[in-house]
Amino acid sequence: MAEIDWTVLETRFPGKPDFIRRLVAATYEAHADDLAKLAQIEAARDFAALAQLAHKLKGICGNLAAARLAALAAETEAAARAGDAAAFARLPALAQHIETFLEELRAHLAPSPLQSEKKT
């Protein structure tokens, strides 16, 4: 299931496909290593770092119309801030959603076959 609701995103920024592309590129660059960070956070059982990462994800996912990941990140952030071990129980699901989110961002940035043909 898709993480990003592209229709909502395009409605949020009507007539601004270049802006959306720049936003997607900046987001991908800023979050490309989130899965590695998540693994480090889990190994260290670092509640503060988990809360911080989840907070960042919640914000950007809200902006990019990725509601399911934003909600999971919000729940994870709240649990981590409370020092609740349930925050770490959410990590497999969080990692799966982050992976899908990153794949969608990467796919959006990949040149379409039409764009590739125009360059040749």
C-alpha atoms as a PDB file:
ATOM      1  CA  MET A   1       0.000   0.000   0.000  1.00  0.00           C
ATOM      2  CA  ALA A   2       1.275   3.458  -0.886  1.00  0.00           C
ATOM      3  CA  GLU A   3       2.530   5.764   1.832  1.00  0.00           C
ATOM      4  CA  ILE A   4       2.214   9.052  -0.044  1.00  0.00           C
ATOM      5  CA  ASP A   5      -1.154  10.240  -1.321  1.00  0.00           C
ATOM      6  CA  TRP A   6       0.101  11.941  -4.468  1.00  0.00           C
ATOM      7  CA  THR A   7      -3.361  13.303  -5.304  1.00  0.00           C
ATOM      8  CA  VAL A   8      -3.554  15.089  -1.956  1.00  0.00           C
ATOM      9  CA  LEU A   9       0.005  16.350  -2.369  1.00  0.00           C
ATOM     10  CA  GLU A  10      -0.725  17.738  -5.847  1.00  0.00           C
ATOM     11  CA  THR A  11      -3.914  19.360  -4.521  1.00  0.00           C
ATOM     12  CA  ARG A  12      -1.927  20.893  -1.671  1.00  0.00           C
ATOM     13  CA  PHE A  13       0.524  22.441  -4.166  1.00  0.00           C
ATOM     14  CA  PRO A  14      -1.575  22.979  -7.327  1.00  0.00           C
ATOM     15  CA  GLY A  15       0.334  23.720 -10.506  1.00  0.00           C
ATOM     16  CA  LYS A  16       3.682  23.346  -8.757  1.00  0.00           C
ATOM     17  CA  PRO A  17       5.178  20.052  -9.966  1.00  0.00           C
ATOM     18  CA  ASP A  18       8.717  21.491  -9.836  1.00  0.00           C
ATOM     19  CA  PHE A  19       8.220  22.486  -6.196  1.00  0.00           C
ATOM     20  CA  ILE A  20       6.909  19.013  -5.365  1.00  0.00           C
ATOM     21  CA  ARG A  21       9.912  17.446  -7.090  1.00  0.00           C
ATOM     22  CA  ARG A  22      12.316  19.663  -5.106  1.00  0.00           C
ATOM     23  CA  LEU A  23      10.462  18.848  -1.869  1.00  0.00           C
ATOM     24  CA  VAL A  24      10.634  15.126  -2.645  1.00  0.00           C
ATOM     25  CA  ALA A  25      14.351  15.365  -3.509  1.00  0.00           C
ATOM     26  CA  ALA A  26      15.172  17.271  -0.318  1.00  0.00           C
ATOM     27  CA  THR A  27      13.144  14.810   1.749  1.00  0.00           C
ATOM     28  CA  TYR A  28      14.832  11.811   0.189  1.00  0.00           C
ATOM     29  CA  GLU A  29      18.253  13.306   0.790  1.00  0.00           C
ATOM     30  CA  ALA A  30      17.434  14.175   4.407  1.00  0.00           C
ATOM     31  CA  HIS A  31      15.880  10.784   5.238  1.00  0.00           C
ATOM     32  CA  ALA A  32      17.778   8.292   3.063  1.00  0.00           C
ATOM     33  CA  ASP A  33      19.683   6.957   6.065  1.00  0.00           C
ATOM     34  CA  ASP A  34      16.706   6.750   8.448  1.00  0.00           C
ATOM     35  CA  LEU A  35      16.631   2.940   8.349  1.00  0.00           C
ATOM     36  CA  ALA A  36      20.280   2.786   9.426  1.00  0.00           C
ATOM     37  CA  LYS A  37      19.592   5.362  12.140  1.00  0.00           C
ATOM     38  CA  LEU A  38      16.628   3.320  13.319  1.00  0.00           C
ATOM     39  CA  ALA A  39      18.804   0.220  13.637  1.00  0.00           C
ATOM     40  CA  GLN A  40      21.368   2.156  15.683  1.00  0.00           C
ATOM     41  CA  ILE A  41      18.638   3.617  17.890  1.00  0.00           C
ATOM     42  CA  GLU A  42      17.180   0.165  18.474  1.00  0.00           C
ATOM     43  CA  ALA A  43      20.560  -1.328  19.340  1.00  0.00           C
ATOM     44  CA  ALA A  44      21.225   1.468  21.832  1.00  0.00           C
ATOM     45  CA  ARG A  45      17.621   1.515  23.150  1.00  0.00           C
ATOM     46  CA  ASP A  46      17.873   5.310  22.882  1.00  0.00           C
ATOM     47  CA  PHE A  47      14.452   6.758  23.699  1.00  0.00           C
ATOM     48  CA  ALA A  48      15.528  10.374  23.077  1.00  0.00           C
ATOM     49  CA  ALA A  49      16.973   9.626  19.637  1.00  0.00           C
ATOM     50  CA  LEU A  50      13.879   7.604  18.723  1.00  0.00           C
ATOM     51  CA  ALA A  51      11.607  10.447  19.780  1.00  0.00           C
ATOM     52  CA  GLN A  52      13.652  12.904  17.715  1.00  0.00           C
ATOM     53  CA  LEU A  53      13.648  10.745  14.576  1.00  0.00           C
ATOM     54  CA  ALA A  54       9.939   9.989  14.929  1.00  0.00           C
ATOM     55  CA  HIS A  55       9.218  13.713  15.376  1.00  0.00           C
ATOM     56  CA  LYS A  56      11.083  14.580  12.159  1.00  0.00           C
ATOM     57  CA  LEU A  57       9.235  11.840  10.272  1.00  0.00           C
ATOM     58  CA  LYS A  58       5.880  12.983  11.631  1.00  0.00           C
ATOM     59  CA  GLY A  59       6.493  16.496  10.340  1.00  0.00           C
ATOM     60  CA  ILE A  60       7.718  15.682   6.855  1.00  0.00           C
ATOM     61  CA  CYS A  61       5.145  12.952   6.362  1.00  0.00           C
ATOM     62  CA  GLY A  62       2.415  15.416   7.291  1.00  0.00           C
ATOM     63  CA  ASN A  63       3.733  17.799   4.646  1.00  0.00           C
ATOM     64  CA  LEU A  64       3.997  15.059   2.018  1.00  0.00           C
ATOM     65  CA  ALA A  65       0.538  13.547   2.627  1.00  0.00           C
ATOM     66  CA  ALA A  66       1.935  10.300   4.039  1.00  0.00           C
ATOM     67  CA  ALA A  67      -0.748  10.045   6.723  1.00  0.00           C
ATOM     68  CA  ARG A  68      -0.186   6.425   7.843  1.00  0.00           C
ATOM     69  CA  LEU A  69       3.527   6.939   8.435  1.00  0.00           C
ATOM     70  CA  ALA A  70       2.868  10.310  10.092  1.00  0.00           C
ATOM     71  CA  ALA A  71       0.410   8.673  12.511  1.00  0.00           C
ATOM     72  CA  LEU A  72       2.774   5.800  13.320  1.00  0.00           C
ATOM     73  CA  ALA A  73       5.624   8.249  13.837  1.00  0.00           C
ATOM     74  CA  ALA A  74       3.430  10.343  16.177  1.00  0.00           C
ATOM     75  CA  GLU A  75       2.532   7.256  18.238  1.00  0.00           C
ATOM     76  CA  THR A  76       6.171   6.200  18.357  1.00  0.00           C
ATOM     77  CA  GLU A  77       7.300   9.673  19.359  1.00  0.00           C
ATOM     78  CA  ALA A  78       4.770   9.851  22.201  1.00  0.00           C
ATOM     79  CA  ALA A  79       5.757   6.419  23.507  1.00  0.00           C
ATOM     80  CA  ALA A  80       9.479   7.224  23.287  1.00  0.00           C
ATOM     81  CA  ARG A  81       9.041  10.550  25.082  1.00  0.00           C
ATOM     82  CA  ALA A  82       7.174   8.700  27.841  1.00  0.00           C
ATOM     83  CA  GLY A  83       9.981   6.143  28.126  1.00  0.00           C
ATOM     84  CA  ASP A  84       7.512   3.426  27.181  1.00  0.00           C
ATOM     85  CA  ALA A  85       9.123   0.245  25.828  1.00  0.00           C
ATOM     86  CA  ALA A  86       6.177  -0.005  23.434  1.00  0.00           C
ATOM     87  CA  ALA A  87       8.021   2.578  21.339  1.00  0.00           C
ATOM     88  CA  PHE A  88      10.572  -0.089  20.438  1.00  0.00           C
ATOM     89  CA  ALA A  89       7.844  -2.632  19.714  1.00  0.00           C
ATOM     90  CA  ARG A  90       6.688  -0.289  16.916  1.00  0.00           C
ATOM     91  CA  LEU A  91      10.075  -0.304  15.170  1.00  0.00           C
ATOM     92  CA  PRO A  92       9.464  -3.200  12.744  1.00  0.00           C
ATOM     93  CA  ALA A  93       6.313  -1.521  11.440  1.00  0.00           C
ATOM     94  CA  LEU A  94       7.997   1.880  11.419  1.00  0.00           C
ATOM     95  CA  ALA A  95      10.940   0.487   9.446  1.00  0.00           C
ATOM     96  CA  GLN A  96       8.624  -1.120   6.904  1.00  0.00           C
ATOM     97  CA  HIS A  97       6.714   2.142   6.390  1.00  0.00           C
ATOM     98  CA  ILE A  98       9.931   4.151   6.123  1.00  0.00           C
ATOM     99  CA  GLU A  99      11.250   1.725   3.508  1.00  0.00           C
ATOM    100  CA  THR A 100       8.079   2.073   1.425  1.00  0.00           C
ATOM    101  CA  PHE A 101       8.134   5.861   1.851  1.00  0.00           C
ATOM    102  CA  LEU A 102      11.741   6.061   0.645  1.00  0.00           C
ATOM    103  CA  GLU A 103      10.984   3.770  -2.311  1.00  0.00           C
ATOM    104  CA  GLU A 104       8.119   6.044  -3.332  1.00  0.00           C
ATOM    105  CA  LEU A 105      10.298   9.139  -3.070  1.00  0.00           C
ATOM    106  CA  ARG A 106      13.039   7.457  -5.120  1.00  0.00           C
ATOM    107  CA  ALA A 107      10.549   6.327  -7.771  1.00  0.00           C
ATOM    108  CA  HIS A 108       9.141   9.843  -8.044  1.00  0.00           C
ATOM    109  CA  LEU A 109      12.641  11.183  -8.676  1.00  0.00           C
ATOM    110  CA  ALA A 110      13.529   8.577 -11.310  1.00  0.00           C
ATOM    111  CA  PRO A 111      13.266   9.862 -14.860  1.00  0.00           C
ATOM    112  CA  SER A 112      10.235   8.606 -16.705  1.00  0.00           C
ATOM    113  CA  PRO A 113      10.779   6.653 -19.942  1.00  0.00           C
ATOM    114  CA  LEU A 114       9.526   9.711 -21.846  1.00  0.00           C
ATOM    115  CA  GLN A 115      12.106  11.941 -20.193  1.00  0.00           C
ATOM    116  CA  SER A 116      14.858   9.452 -21.012  1.00  0.00           C
ATOM    117  CA  GLU A 117      13.820   9.338 -24.688  1.00  0.00           C
ATOM    118  CA  LYS A 118      13.917  13.141 -24.955  1.00  0.00           C
ATOM    119  CA  LYS A 119      17.555  13.222 -23.787  1.00  0.00           C
ATOM    120  CA  THR A 120      18.753  10.786 -26.435  1.00  0.00           C
END
